[in-house]
Amino acid sequence: MDIVNSVSDMRRQTLMFVIIVFASLAFSALVVLFYSFNTEGEDENHINNISPTPTVSPEPKKAIVEVIVKPWDGAIDPVNGYIDPVNRYGIEVETVNSDGLLFRDDNVSLRINVTSESWVIQYAYFASDLVVDEFEISVSKSNYEIDLKKSFLINFYDVPEGRHRVDFTAVLHDGTKAVAFIDFFVDT
């Protein structure tokens, strides 16, 4: 019986040894997994903390726009304007509230005069760094004689300092485009 007890004790000890080794390995594996999981999170945070954050520049300030369209009875100034000899239209751009192209105020007024010998002015639009998209200007048409000449007063309010540009286009009834531009500077 001593041999049987001795074999039984040996099996029990071996089984206990196997259980202890297995439990130790399982516990070690869990510790390694837990540590690596926490370390990955710390590494990511650590990397994010030391890496430069991208600088997002603010959206440029856009001006407030007001457009007034009126009939016009003047003539195109040959110095400031452009006369197309083929399509027989004229266009000129002038500053209203400044001396030349330098504005000392953040309010800018431009007058664009358009004349056509034959075709009615249908509509106009302009593009500028001061507005988000092209700014379309509707033109009322009431009388053939009056609709051949229009004056567009474009007022920009809260214009940021710096150099700006306005590209203006008037579209005539036949599809001809009268185009003009102006570059100006605001220094308040």
N, C-alpha and C. Protein backbone atom coordinates (compact mmCIF):
# COMPACT_ATOMS: atom_id res chain seq x y z
N MET A 1 0.80 -1.17 0.00
CA MET A 1 0.00 0.00 0.00
C MET A 1 0.85 1.25 0.00
N ASP A 2 2.00 1.05 0.56
CA ASP A 2 2.89 2.20 0.58
C ASP A 2 3.29 2.59 -0.83
N ILE A 3 3.41 1.64 -1.67
CA ILE A 3 3.77 1.94 -3.06
C ILE A 3 2.61 2.64 -3.74
N VAL A 4 1.41 2.21 -3.46
CA VAL A 4 0.23 2.82 -4.07
C VAL A 4 0.10 4.26 -3.56
N ASN A 5 0.27 4.45 -2.24
CA ASN A 5 0.20 5.81 -1.68
C ASN A 5 1.32 6.67 -2.22
N SER A 6 2.45 6.08 -2.36
CA SER A 6 3.60 6.81 -2.86
C SER A 6 3.36 7.24 -4.30
N VAL A 7 2.81 6.40 -5.15
CA VAL A 7 2.51 6.72 -6.55
C VAL A 7 1.40 7.76 -6.58
N SER A 8 0.42 7.61 -5.73
CA SER A 8 -0.70 8.56 -5.68
C SER A 8 -0.20 9.92 -5.23
N ASP A 9 0.67 9.98 -4.25
CA ASP A 9 1.24 11.25 -3.81
C ASP A 9 2.07 11.89 -4.91
N MET A 10 2.80 11.06 -5.63
CA MET A 10 3.63 11.57 -6.71
C MET A 10 2.77 12.15 -7.83
N ARG A 11 1.67 11.50 -8.15
CA ARG A 11 0.75 12.02 -9.17
C ARG A 11 0.15 13.34 -8.70
N ARG A 12 -0.26 13.37 -7.44
CA ARG A 12 -0.86 14.60 -6.89
C ARG A 12 0.16 15.74 -6.93
N GLN A 13 1.40 15.48 -6.60
CA GLN A 13 2.44 16.50 -6.63
C GLN A 13 2.72 16.95 -8.06
N THR A 14 2.74 16.01 -8.98
CA THR A 14 2.97 16.34 -10.38
C THR A 14 1.81 17.19 -10.90
N LEU A 15 0.60 16.77 -10.54
CA LEU A 15 -0.58 17.52 -10.97
C LEU A 15 -0.55 18.92 -10.38
N MET A 16 -0.19 19.05 -9.11
CA MET A 16 -0.10 20.37 -8.48
C MET A 16 0.99 21.20 -9.15
N PHE A 17 2.10 20.56 -9.49
CA PHE A 17 3.18 21.26 -10.16
C PHE A 17 2.73 21.77 -11.53
N VAL A 18 2.03 20.91 -12.28
CA VAL A 18 1.53 21.29 -13.60
C VAL A 18 0.54 22.44 -13.47
N ILE A 19 -0.36 22.37 -12.50
CA ILE A 19 -1.36 23.44 -12.28
C ILE A 19 -0.66 24.74 -11.92
N ILE A 20 0.32 24.67 -11.05
CA ILE A 20 1.04 25.88 -10.64
C ILE A 20 1.79 26.47 -11.83
N VAL A 21 2.46 25.67 -12.61
CA VAL A 21 3.19 26.16 -13.79
C VAL A 21 2.22 26.76 -14.78
N PHE A 22 1.11 26.07 -15.05
CA PHE A 22 0.11 26.55 -15.99
C PHE A 22 -0.48 27.87 -15.51
N ALA A 23 -0.82 27.97 -14.23
CA ALA A 23 -1.38 29.19 -13.66
C ALA A 23 -0.36 30.34 -13.74
N SER A 24 0.89 30.03 -13.48
CA SER A 24 1.95 31.06 -13.56
C SER A 24 2.09 31.57 -14.99
N LEU A 25 2.07 30.66 -15.96
CA LEU A 25 2.16 31.06 -17.37
C LEU A 25 0.96 31.90 -17.79
N ALA A 26 -0.22 31.48 -17.39
CA ALA A 26 -1.44 32.23 -17.73
C ALA A 26 -1.38 33.61 -17.10
N PHE A 27 -0.98 33.69 -15.81
CA PHE A 27 -0.89 34.98 -15.13
C PHE A 27 0.15 35.86 -15.82
N SER A 28 1.28 35.30 -16.20
CA SER A 28 2.34 36.05 -16.89
C SER A 28 1.83 36.59 -18.22
N ALA A 29 1.11 35.74 -18.95
CA ALA A 29 0.56 36.18 -20.24
C ALA A 29 -0.42 37.33 -20.05
N LEU A 30 -1.28 37.25 -19.05
CA LEU A 30 -2.24 38.33 -18.77
C LEU A 30 -1.52 39.62 -18.38
N VAL A 31 -0.48 39.50 -17.58
CA VAL A 31 0.29 40.69 -17.18
C VAL A 31 0.93 41.33 -18.41
N VAL A 32 1.52 40.53 -19.28
CA VAL A 32 2.16 41.05 -20.49
C VAL A 32 1.12 41.73 -21.38
N LEU A 33 -0.01 41.10 -21.59
CA LEU A 33 -1.07 41.70 -22.41
C LEU A 33 -1.56 43.00 -21.80
N PHE A 34 -1.82 43.00 -20.52
CA PHE A 34 -2.31 44.20 -19.84
C PHE A 34 -1.28 45.32 -19.94
N TYR A 35 -0.02 45.02 -19.71
CA TYR A 35 1.04 46.01 -19.77
C TYR A 35 1.20 46.56 -21.19
N SER A 36 1.18 45.66 -22.18
CA SER A 36 1.35 46.13 -23.56
C SER A 36 0.16 46.97 -24.00
N PHE A 37 -1.04 46.64 -23.55
CA PHE A 37 -2.22 47.43 -23.88
C PHE A 37 -2.10 48.83 -23.29
N ASN A 38 -1.72 48.92 -22.03
CA ASN A 38 -1.56 50.23 -21.39
C ASN A 38 -0.39 51.00 -21.96
N THR A 39 0.66 50.33 -22.32
CA THR A 39 1.83 50.98 -22.88
C THR A 39 1.52 51.55 -24.25
N GLU A 40 0.75 50.82 -25.07
CA GLU A 40 0.39 51.34 -26.39
C GLU A 40 -0.39 52.64 -26.24
N GLY A 41 -1.33 52.70 -25.35
CA GLY A 41 -2.10 53.91 -25.11
C GLY A 41 -1.19 55.05 -24.66
N GLU A 42 -0.24 54.73 -23.76
CA GLU A 42 0.68 55.76 -23.29
C GLU A 42 1.59 56.21 -24.42
N ASP A 43 2.05 55.26 -25.24
CA ASP A 43 2.91 55.62 -26.36
C ASP A 43 2.18 56.53 -27.33
N GLU A 44 0.93 56.21 -27.63
CA GLU A 44 0.16 57.06 -28.54
C GLU A 44 0.01 58.45 -27.96
N ASN A 45 -0.35 58.53 -26.68
CA ASN A 45 -0.48 59.84 -26.06
C ASN A 45 0.86 60.56 -26.04
N HIS A 46 1.89 59.80 -25.76
CA HIS A 46 3.22 60.39 -25.72
C HIS A 46 3.60 60.92 -27.10
N ILE A 47 3.35 60.15 -28.13
CA ILE A 47 3.65 60.58 -29.49
C ILE A 47 2.83 61.81 -29.83
N ASN A 48 1.55 61.80 -29.49
CA ASN A 48 0.70 62.95 -29.78
C ASN A 48 1.15 64.19 -29.02
N ASN A 49 1.69 63.99 -27.82
CA ASN A 49 2.11 65.14 -27.04
C ASN A 49 3.37 65.78 -27.59
N ILE A 50 4.25 64.98 -28.18
CA ILE A 50 5.49 65.57 -28.65
C ILE A 50 5.46 65.93 -30.12
N SER A 51 4.53 65.40 -30.87
CA SER A 51 4.48 65.74 -32.29
C SER A 51 3.83 67.11 -32.46
N PRO A 52 4.28 67.86 -33.45
CA PRO A 52 3.71 69.20 -33.64
C PRO A 52 2.26 69.11 -34.09
N THR A 53 1.45 70.00 -33.58
CA THR A 53 0.06 70.05 -34.00
C THR A 53 -0.03 70.96 -35.20
N PRO A 54 -0.84 70.58 -36.19
CA PRO A 54 -0.93 71.41 -37.39
C PRO A 54 -1.58 72.75 -37.04
N THR A 55 -1.03 73.80 -37.61
CA THR A 55 -1.62 75.12 -37.39
C THR A 55 -2.64 75.38 -38.48
N VAL A 56 -3.83 75.63 -38.06
CA VAL A 56 -4.91 75.91 -39.00
C VAL A 56 -5.06 77.42 -39.05
N SER A 57 -4.79 77.96 -40.23
CA SER A 57 -4.93 79.40 -40.35
C SER A 57 -6.40 79.76 -40.44
N PRO A 58 -6.79 80.83 -39.81
CA PRO A 58 -8.20 81.21 -39.82
C PRO A 58 -8.64 81.60 -41.22
N GLU A 59 -9.91 81.39 -41.49
CA GLU A 59 -10.49 81.79 -42.77
C GLU A 59 -10.33 83.30 -42.92
N PRO A 60 -9.84 83.75 -44.07
CA PRO A 60 -9.69 85.20 -44.23
C PRO A 60 -11.03 85.91 -44.05
N LYS A 61 -10.94 87.06 -43.44
CA LYS A 61 -12.14 87.86 -43.19
C LYS A 61 -12.73 88.33 -44.52
N LYS A 62 -14.00 88.16 -44.69
CA LYS A 62 -14.69 88.60 -45.91
C LYS A 62 -15.44 89.88 -45.61
N ALA A 63 -15.51 90.73 -46.61
CA ALA A 63 -16.16 92.03 -46.45
C ALA A 63 -17.67 91.91 -46.65
N ILE A 64 -18.39 92.88 -46.13
CA ILE A 64 -19.82 93.00 -46.39
C ILE A 64 -19.97 93.78 -47.68
N VAL A 65 -20.87 93.34 -48.56
CA VAL A 65 -20.98 93.94 -49.89
C VAL A 65 -22.37 94.54 -50.09
N GLU A 66 -22.39 95.70 -50.70
CA GLU A 66 -23.65 96.35 -51.12
C GLU A 66 -23.44 96.80 -52.56
N VAL A 67 -24.40 96.51 -53.43
CA VAL A 67 -24.29 96.92 -54.83
C VAL A 67 -25.52 97.74 -55.19
N ILE A 68 -25.28 98.88 -55.81
CA ILE A 68 -26.37 99.75 -56.28
C ILE A 68 -26.20 99.91 -57.79
N VAL A 69 -27.25 99.59 -58.54
CA VAL A 69 -27.22 99.70 -59.99
C VAL A 69 -28.16 100.82 -60.39
N LYS A 70 -27.63 101.75 -61.19
CA LYS A 70 -28.44 102.89 -61.64
C LYS A 70 -28.23 103.10 -63.14
N PRO A 71 -29.22 103.72 -63.78
CA PRO A 71 -28.98 104.15 -65.16
C PRO A 71 -27.84 105.17 -65.16
N TRP A 72 -27.17 105.26 -66.26
CA TRP A 72 -26.02 106.15 -66.36
C TRP A 72 -26.11 106.93 -67.65
N ASP A 73 -25.72 108.21 -67.61
CA ASP A 73 -25.82 109.01 -68.83
C ASP A 73 -24.50 109.65 -69.21
N GLY A 74 -23.41 109.16 -68.67
CA GLY A 74 -22.09 109.73 -68.96
C GLY A 74 -21.44 109.08 -70.15
N ALA A 75 -20.20 109.48 -70.38
CA ALA A 75 -19.38 108.91 -71.45
C ALA A 75 -18.15 108.26 -70.81
N ILE A 76 -17.63 107.28 -71.46
CA ILE A 76 -16.45 106.58 -70.95
C ILE A 76 -15.23 107.49 -71.08
N ASP A 77 -14.52 107.66 -69.97
CA ASP A 77 -13.30 108.45 -69.94
C ASP A 77 -12.20 107.65 -70.65
N PRO A 78 -11.59 108.19 -71.68
CA PRO A 78 -10.57 107.42 -72.42
C PRO A 78 -9.33 107.11 -71.57
N VAL A 79 -9.09 107.85 -70.49
CA VAL A 79 -7.93 107.59 -69.64
C VAL A 79 -8.21 106.43 -68.70
N ASN A 80 -9.38 106.42 -68.03
CA ASN A 80 -9.71 105.39 -67.03
C ASN A 80 -10.50 104.23 -67.61
N GLY A 81 -11.00 104.36 -68.80
CA GLY A 81 -11.90 103.33 -69.32
C GLY A 81 -11.34 102.57 -70.50
N TYR A 82 -12.16 101.68 -71.00
CA TYR A 82 -11.80 100.84 -72.14
C TYR A 82 -12.98 100.83 -73.11
N ILE A 83 -12.71 101.09 -74.36
CA ILE A 83 -13.75 101.06 -75.38
C ILE A 83 -13.37 100.00 -76.40
N ASP A 84 -14.27 99.04 -76.60
CA ASP A 84 -14.04 97.97 -77.56
C ASP A 84 -14.56 98.44 -78.92
N PRO A 85 -13.67 98.63 -79.90
CA PRO A 85 -14.12 99.17 -81.19
C PRO A 85 -14.95 98.19 -82.02
N VAL A 86 -14.76 96.88 -81.77
CA VAL A 86 -15.49 95.89 -82.57
C VAL A 86 -16.91 95.70 -82.04
N ASN A 87 -17.03 95.41 -80.75
CA ASN A 87 -18.35 95.15 -80.17
C ASN A 87 -19.06 96.42 -79.69
N ARG A 88 -18.37 97.53 -79.75
CA ARG A 88 -18.92 98.85 -79.44
C ARG A 88 -19.53 98.91 -78.03
N TYR A 89 -18.72 98.56 -77.06
CA TYR A 89 -19.11 98.78 -75.67
C TYR A 89 -17.94 99.45 -74.96
N GLY A 90 -18.23 100.05 -73.83
CA GLY A 90 -17.19 100.69 -73.05
C GLY A 90 -17.37 100.34 -71.58
N ILE A 91 -16.26 100.30 -70.84
CA ILE A 91 -16.32 100.00 -69.42
C ILE A 91 -15.20 100.76 -68.73
N GLU A 92 -15.49 101.31 -67.55
CA GLU A 92 -14.47 101.99 -66.77
C GLU A 92 -14.71 101.72 -65.28
N VAL A 93 -13.63 101.72 -64.54
CA VAL A 93 -13.69 101.52 -63.08
C VAL A 93 -13.04 102.73 -62.42
N GLU A 94 -13.69 103.25 -61.41
CA GLU A 94 -13.11 104.36 -60.67
C GLU A 94 -13.36 104.16 -59.18
N THR A 95 -12.42 104.65 -58.39
CA THR A 95 -12.60 104.62 -56.94
C THR A 95 -13.43 105.84 -56.56
N VAL A 96 -14.27 105.69 -55.53
CA VAL A 96 -15.16 106.78 -55.14
C VAL A 96 -14.64 107.50 -53.91
N ASN A 97 -14.23 106.79 -52.90
CA ASN A 97 -13.89 107.41 -51.62
C ASN A 97 -12.40 107.36 -51.30
N SER A 98 -11.56 107.51 -52.32
CA SER A 98 -10.12 107.51 -52.06
C SER A 98 -9.43 108.38 -53.08
N ASP A 99 -8.17 108.65 -52.82
CA ASP A 99 -7.32 109.31 -53.80
C ASP A 99 -6.48 108.23 -54.43
N GLY A 100 -6.77 107.90 -55.64
CA GLY A 100 -6.03 106.84 -56.31
C GLY A 100 -6.48 105.47 -55.84
N LEU A 101 -5.52 104.58 -55.66
CA LEU A 101 -5.82 103.19 -55.33
C LEU A 101 -5.50 102.83 -53.88
N LEU A 102 -5.23 103.83 -53.04
CA LEU A 102 -4.95 103.60 -51.64
C LEU A 102 -6.13 104.09 -50.81
N PHE A 103 -6.72 103.16 -50.03
CA PHE A 103 -7.84 103.50 -49.16
C PHE A 103 -7.33 103.58 -47.73
N ARG A 104 -7.64 104.65 -47.04
CA ARG A 104 -7.23 104.84 -45.65
C ARG A 104 -8.35 104.46 -44.68
N ASP A 105 -9.42 103.87 -45.21
CA ASP A 105 -10.59 103.48 -44.43
C ASP A 105 -10.90 102.03 -44.79
N ASP A 106 -11.60 101.29 -43.91
CA ASP A 106 -11.95 99.90 -44.24
C ASP A 106 -13.25 99.81 -45.02
N ASN A 107 -13.77 100.94 -45.48
CA ASN A 107 -14.93 100.98 -46.38
C ASN A 107 -14.44 101.42 -47.75
N VAL A 108 -14.71 100.61 -48.75
CA VAL A 108 -14.21 100.85 -50.10
C VAL A 108 -15.41 100.96 -51.04
N SER A 109 -15.41 102.01 -51.86
CA SER A 109 -16.47 102.18 -52.86
C SER A 109 -15.85 102.27 -54.24
N LEU A 110 -16.37 101.44 -55.14
CA LEU A 110 -15.92 101.43 -56.53
C LEU A 110 -17.13 101.69 -57.42
N ARG A 111 -16.93 102.47 -58.46
CA ARG A 111 -17.99 102.70 -59.44
C ARG A 111 -17.52 102.13 -60.77
N ILE A 112 -18.36 101.30 -61.37
CA ILE A 112 -18.06 100.73 -62.68
C ILE A 112 -19.15 101.20 -63.62
N ASN A 113 -18.74 101.90 -64.66
CA ASN A 113 -19.69 102.40 -65.65
C ASN A 113 -19.57 101.56 -66.91
N VAL A 114 -20.72 101.12 -67.42
CA VAL A 114 -20.74 100.28 -68.62
C VAL A 114 -21.69 100.91 -69.63
N THR A 115 -21.25 100.98 -70.86
CA THR A 115 -22.11 101.50 -71.92
C THR A 115 -21.99 100.60 -73.15
N SER A 116 -23.08 100.49 -73.86
CA SER A 116 -23.11 99.69 -75.08
C SER A 116 -23.88 100.47 -76.13
N GLU A 117 -23.42 100.42 -77.38
CA GLU A 117 -24.13 101.14 -78.44
C GLU A 117 -25.34 100.37 -78.93
N SER A 118 -25.32 99.03 -78.83
CA SER A 118 -26.38 98.24 -79.43
C SER A 118 -27.09 97.27 -78.51
N TRP A 119 -26.37 96.70 -77.58
CA TRP A 119 -26.92 95.59 -76.80
C TRP A 119 -27.20 95.99 -75.36
N VAL A 120 -28.37 95.57 -74.87
CA VAL A 120 -28.79 95.83 -73.50
C VAL A 120 -27.89 95.08 -72.53
N ILE A 121 -27.61 95.70 -71.39
CA ILE A 121 -26.81 95.05 -70.34
C ILE A 121 -27.73 94.10 -69.58
N GLN A 122 -27.46 92.81 -69.69
CA GLN A 122 -28.32 91.78 -69.10
C GLN A 122 -28.09 91.60 -67.60
N TYR A 123 -26.86 91.35 -67.24
CA TYR A 123 -26.50 91.17 -65.83
C TYR A 123 -25.00 91.39 -65.69
N ALA A 124 -24.55 91.38 -64.46
CA ALA A 124 -23.12 91.57 -64.20
C ALA A 124 -22.73 90.69 -63.01
N TYR A 125 -21.45 90.50 -62.85
CA TYR A 125 -20.93 89.78 -61.69
C TYR A 125 -19.49 90.20 -61.45
N PHE A 126 -19.03 89.95 -60.25
CA PHE A 126 -17.63 90.21 -59.97
C PHE A 126 -17.09 89.12 -59.05
N ALA A 127 -15.79 88.96 -59.12
CA ALA A 127 -15.06 88.04 -58.24
C ALA A 127 -14.01 88.86 -57.52
N SER A 128 -13.73 88.47 -56.29
CA SER A 128 -12.74 89.19 -55.50
C SER A 128 -12.30 88.33 -54.34
N ASP A 129 -11.14 88.67 -53.79
CA ASP A 129 -10.70 88.00 -52.57
C ASP A 129 -11.55 88.44 -51.38
N LEU A 130 -12.39 89.45 -51.56
CA LEU A 130 -13.22 89.98 -50.48
C LEU A 130 -14.56 89.25 -50.35
N VAL A 131 -14.90 88.40 -51.30
CA VAL A 131 -16.14 87.63 -51.25
C VAL A 131 -15.83 86.16 -51.44
N VAL A 132 -16.73 85.29 -51.01
CA VAL A 132 -16.48 83.85 -51.06
C VAL A 132 -16.58 83.33 -52.50
N ASP A 133 -17.68 83.61 -53.17
CA ASP A 133 -17.90 83.14 -54.53
C ASP A 133 -18.11 84.34 -55.44
N GLU A 134 -18.30 84.06 -56.74
CA GLU A 134 -18.66 85.15 -57.64
C GLU A 134 -19.95 85.80 -57.13
N PHE A 135 -20.00 87.10 -57.21
CA PHE A 135 -21.14 87.86 -56.72
C PHE A 135 -21.93 88.33 -57.94
N GLU A 136 -23.11 87.73 -58.15
CA GLU A 136 -23.91 88.08 -59.33
C GLU A 136 -24.80 89.28 -59.01
N ILE A 137 -24.90 90.17 -59.99
CA ILE A 137 -25.68 91.39 -59.84
C ILE A 137 -26.80 91.36 -60.88
N SER A 138 -28.03 91.38 -60.40
CA SER A 138 -29.14 91.42 -61.35
C SER A 138 -29.33 92.85 -61.82
N VAL A 139 -29.74 92.99 -63.06
CA VAL A 139 -29.94 94.30 -63.67
C VAL A 139 -31.36 94.36 -64.18
N SER A 140 -32.12 95.34 -63.68
CA SER A 140 -33.50 95.47 -64.17
C SER A 140 -33.47 96.11 -65.55
N LYS A 141 -34.36 95.62 -66.39
CA LYS A 141 -34.44 96.11 -67.77
C LYS A 141 -35.85 96.68 -67.97
N SER A 142 -35.90 97.98 -68.23
CA SER A 142 -37.20 98.63 -68.38
C SER A 142 -37.33 99.43 -69.66
N ASN A 143 -36.23 99.95 -70.16
CA ASN A 143 -36.28 100.81 -71.33
C ASN A 143 -35.01 100.60 -72.13
N TYR A 144 -35.13 100.40 -73.41
CA TYR A 144 -33.98 100.10 -74.26
C TYR A 144 -32.90 101.16 -74.13
N GLU A 145 -33.27 102.42 -74.22
CA GLU A 145 -32.29 103.51 -74.15
C GLU A 145 -31.56 103.50 -72.80
N ILE A 146 -32.32 103.33 -71.71
CA ILE A 146 -31.73 103.35 -70.37
C ILE A 146 -30.87 102.12 -70.12
N ASP A 147 -31.29 100.99 -70.67
CA ASP A 147 -30.59 99.72 -70.39
C ASP A 147 -29.30 99.54 -71.18
N LEU A 148 -28.95 100.51 -72.02
CA LEU A 148 -27.67 100.47 -72.72
C LEU A 148 -26.53 101.03 -71.87
N LYS A 149 -26.86 101.78 -70.83
CA LYS A 149 -25.85 102.39 -69.97
C LYS A 149 -26.22 102.17 -68.51
N LYS A 150 -25.32 101.58 -67.76
CA LYS A 150 -25.56 101.33 -66.34
C LYS A 150 -24.32 101.74 -65.54
N SER A 151 -24.58 102.17 -64.33
CA SER A 151 -23.51 102.48 -63.39
C SER A 151 -23.68 101.54 -62.19
N PHE A 152 -22.63 100.85 -61.84
CA PHE A 152 -22.63 99.89 -60.73
C PHE A 152 -21.78 100.46 -59.61
N LEU A 153 -22.40 100.76 -58.48
CA LEU A 153 -21.66 101.22 -57.31
C LEU A 153 -21.52 100.03 -56.37
N ILE A 154 -20.29 99.60 -56.14
CA ILE A 154 -20.02 98.46 -55.26
C ILE A 154 -19.37 98.99 -54.00
N ASN A 155 -20.03 98.80 -52.88
CA ASN A 155 -19.52 99.22 -51.58
C ASN A 155 -19.10 97.99 -50.79
N PHE A 156 -17.87 97.99 -50.33
CA PHE A 156 -17.34 96.95 -49.45
C PHE A 156 -17.16 97.56 -48.07
N TYR A 157 -17.66 96.89 -47.04
CA TYR A 157 -17.51 97.36 -45.67
C TYR A 157 -16.68 96.35 -44.88
N ASP A 158 -15.92 96.84 -43.92
CA ASP A 158 -15.05 96.00 -43.08
C ASP A 158 -14.00 95.27 -43.90
N VAL A 159 -13.37 95.99 -44.80
CA VAL A 159 -12.33 95.40 -45.65
C VAL A 159 -11.04 95.27 -44.85
N PRO A 160 -10.44 94.08 -44.82
CA PRO A 160 -9.18 93.92 -44.09
C PRO A 160 -8.04 94.66 -44.79
N GLU A 161 -7.03 95.01 -44.02
CA GLU A 161 -5.88 95.70 -44.59
C GLU A 161 -5.17 94.80 -45.60
N GLY A 162 -4.52 95.44 -46.55
CA GLY A 162 -3.74 94.71 -47.53
C GLY A 162 -4.18 94.99 -48.95
N ARG A 163 -3.62 94.22 -49.86
CA ARG A 163 -3.90 94.38 -51.29
C ARG A 163 -5.12 93.53 -51.65
N HIS A 164 -6.00 94.10 -52.48
CA HIS A 164 -7.21 93.41 -52.90
C HIS A 164 -7.43 93.64 -54.39
N ARG A 165 -8.27 92.80 -54.97
CA ARG A 165 -8.56 92.90 -56.40
C ARG A 165 -10.03 92.59 -56.62
N VAL A 166 -10.61 93.29 -57.58
CA VAL A 166 -11.98 93.03 -58.01
C VAL A 166 -11.95 92.86 -59.53
N ASP A 167 -12.46 91.73 -60.00
CA ASP A 167 -12.62 91.46 -61.44
C ASP A 167 -14.10 91.56 -61.75
N PHE A 168 -14.48 92.51 -62.59
CA PHE A 168 -15.88 92.81 -62.89
C PHE A 168 -16.21 92.42 -64.33
N THR A 169 -17.40 91.82 -64.53
CA THR A 169 -17.85 91.44 -65.86
C THR A 169 -19.31 91.84 -66.02
N ALA A 170 -19.59 92.55 -67.11
CA ALA A 170 -20.97 92.86 -67.48
C ALA A 170 -21.28 92.06 -68.74
N VAL A 171 -22.42 91.37 -68.75
CA VAL A 171 -22.79 90.53 -69.89
C VAL A 171 -23.88 91.26 -70.68
N LEU A 172 -23.60 91.48 -71.96
CA LEU A 172 -24.55 92.16 -72.83
C LEU A 172 -25.52 91.16 -73.44
N HIS A 173 -26.58 91.67 -74.04
CA HIS A 173 -27.66 90.83 -74.58
C HIS A 173 -27.16 89.82 -75.62
N ASP A 174 -26.16 90.19 -76.39
CA ASP A 174 -25.64 89.27 -77.41
C ASP A 174 -24.62 88.29 -76.86
N GLY A 175 -24.36 88.34 -75.54
CA GLY A 175 -23.40 87.43 -74.92
C GLY A 175 -22.01 88.02 -74.78
N THR A 176 -21.78 89.18 -75.37
CA THR A 176 -20.49 89.85 -75.22
C THR A 176 -20.26 90.17 -73.75
N LYS A 177 -19.02 90.03 -73.33
CA LYS A 177 -18.67 90.32 -71.94
C LYS A 177 -17.74 91.53 -71.89
N ALA A 178 -18.19 92.54 -71.19
CA ALA A 178 -17.34 93.71 -70.91
C ALA A 178 -16.62 93.41 -69.60
N VAL A 179 -15.29 93.42 -69.63
CA VAL A 179 -14.51 92.98 -68.48
C VAL A 179 -13.58 94.11 -68.04
N ALA A 180 -13.49 94.30 -66.74
CA ALA A 180 -12.56 95.28 -66.17
C ALA A 180 -12.10 94.76 -64.81
N PHE A 181 -10.98 95.27 -64.33
CA PHE A 181 -10.50 94.88 -63.01
C PHE A 181 -9.85 96.08 -62.35
N ILE A 182 -9.70 95.98 -61.04
CA ILE A 182 -9.00 97.00 -60.28
C ILE A 182 -8.27 96.33 -59.13
N ASP A 183 -7.02 96.74 -58.95
CA ASP A 183 -6.24 96.35 -57.78
C ASP A 183 -6.13 97.57 -56.89
N PHE A 184 -6.34 97.39 -55.60
CA PHE A 184 -6.24 98.51 -54.68
C PHE A 184 -5.67 98.04 -53.35
N PHE A 185 -5.31 98.99 -52.51
CA PHE A 185 -4.68 98.68 -51.24
C PHE A 185 -5.41 99.40 -50.12
N VAL A 186 -5.63 98.70 -49.01
CA VAL A 186 -6.29 99.28 -47.84
C VAL A 186 -5.26 99.34 -46.72
N ASP A 187 -5.06 100.54 -46.16
CA ASP A 187 -4.12 100.76 -45.06
C ASP A 187 -4.80 101.68 -44.06
N THR A 188 -5.46 101.08 -43.06
CA THR A 188 -6.22 101.90 -42.10
C THR A 188 -5.38 102.34 -40.94
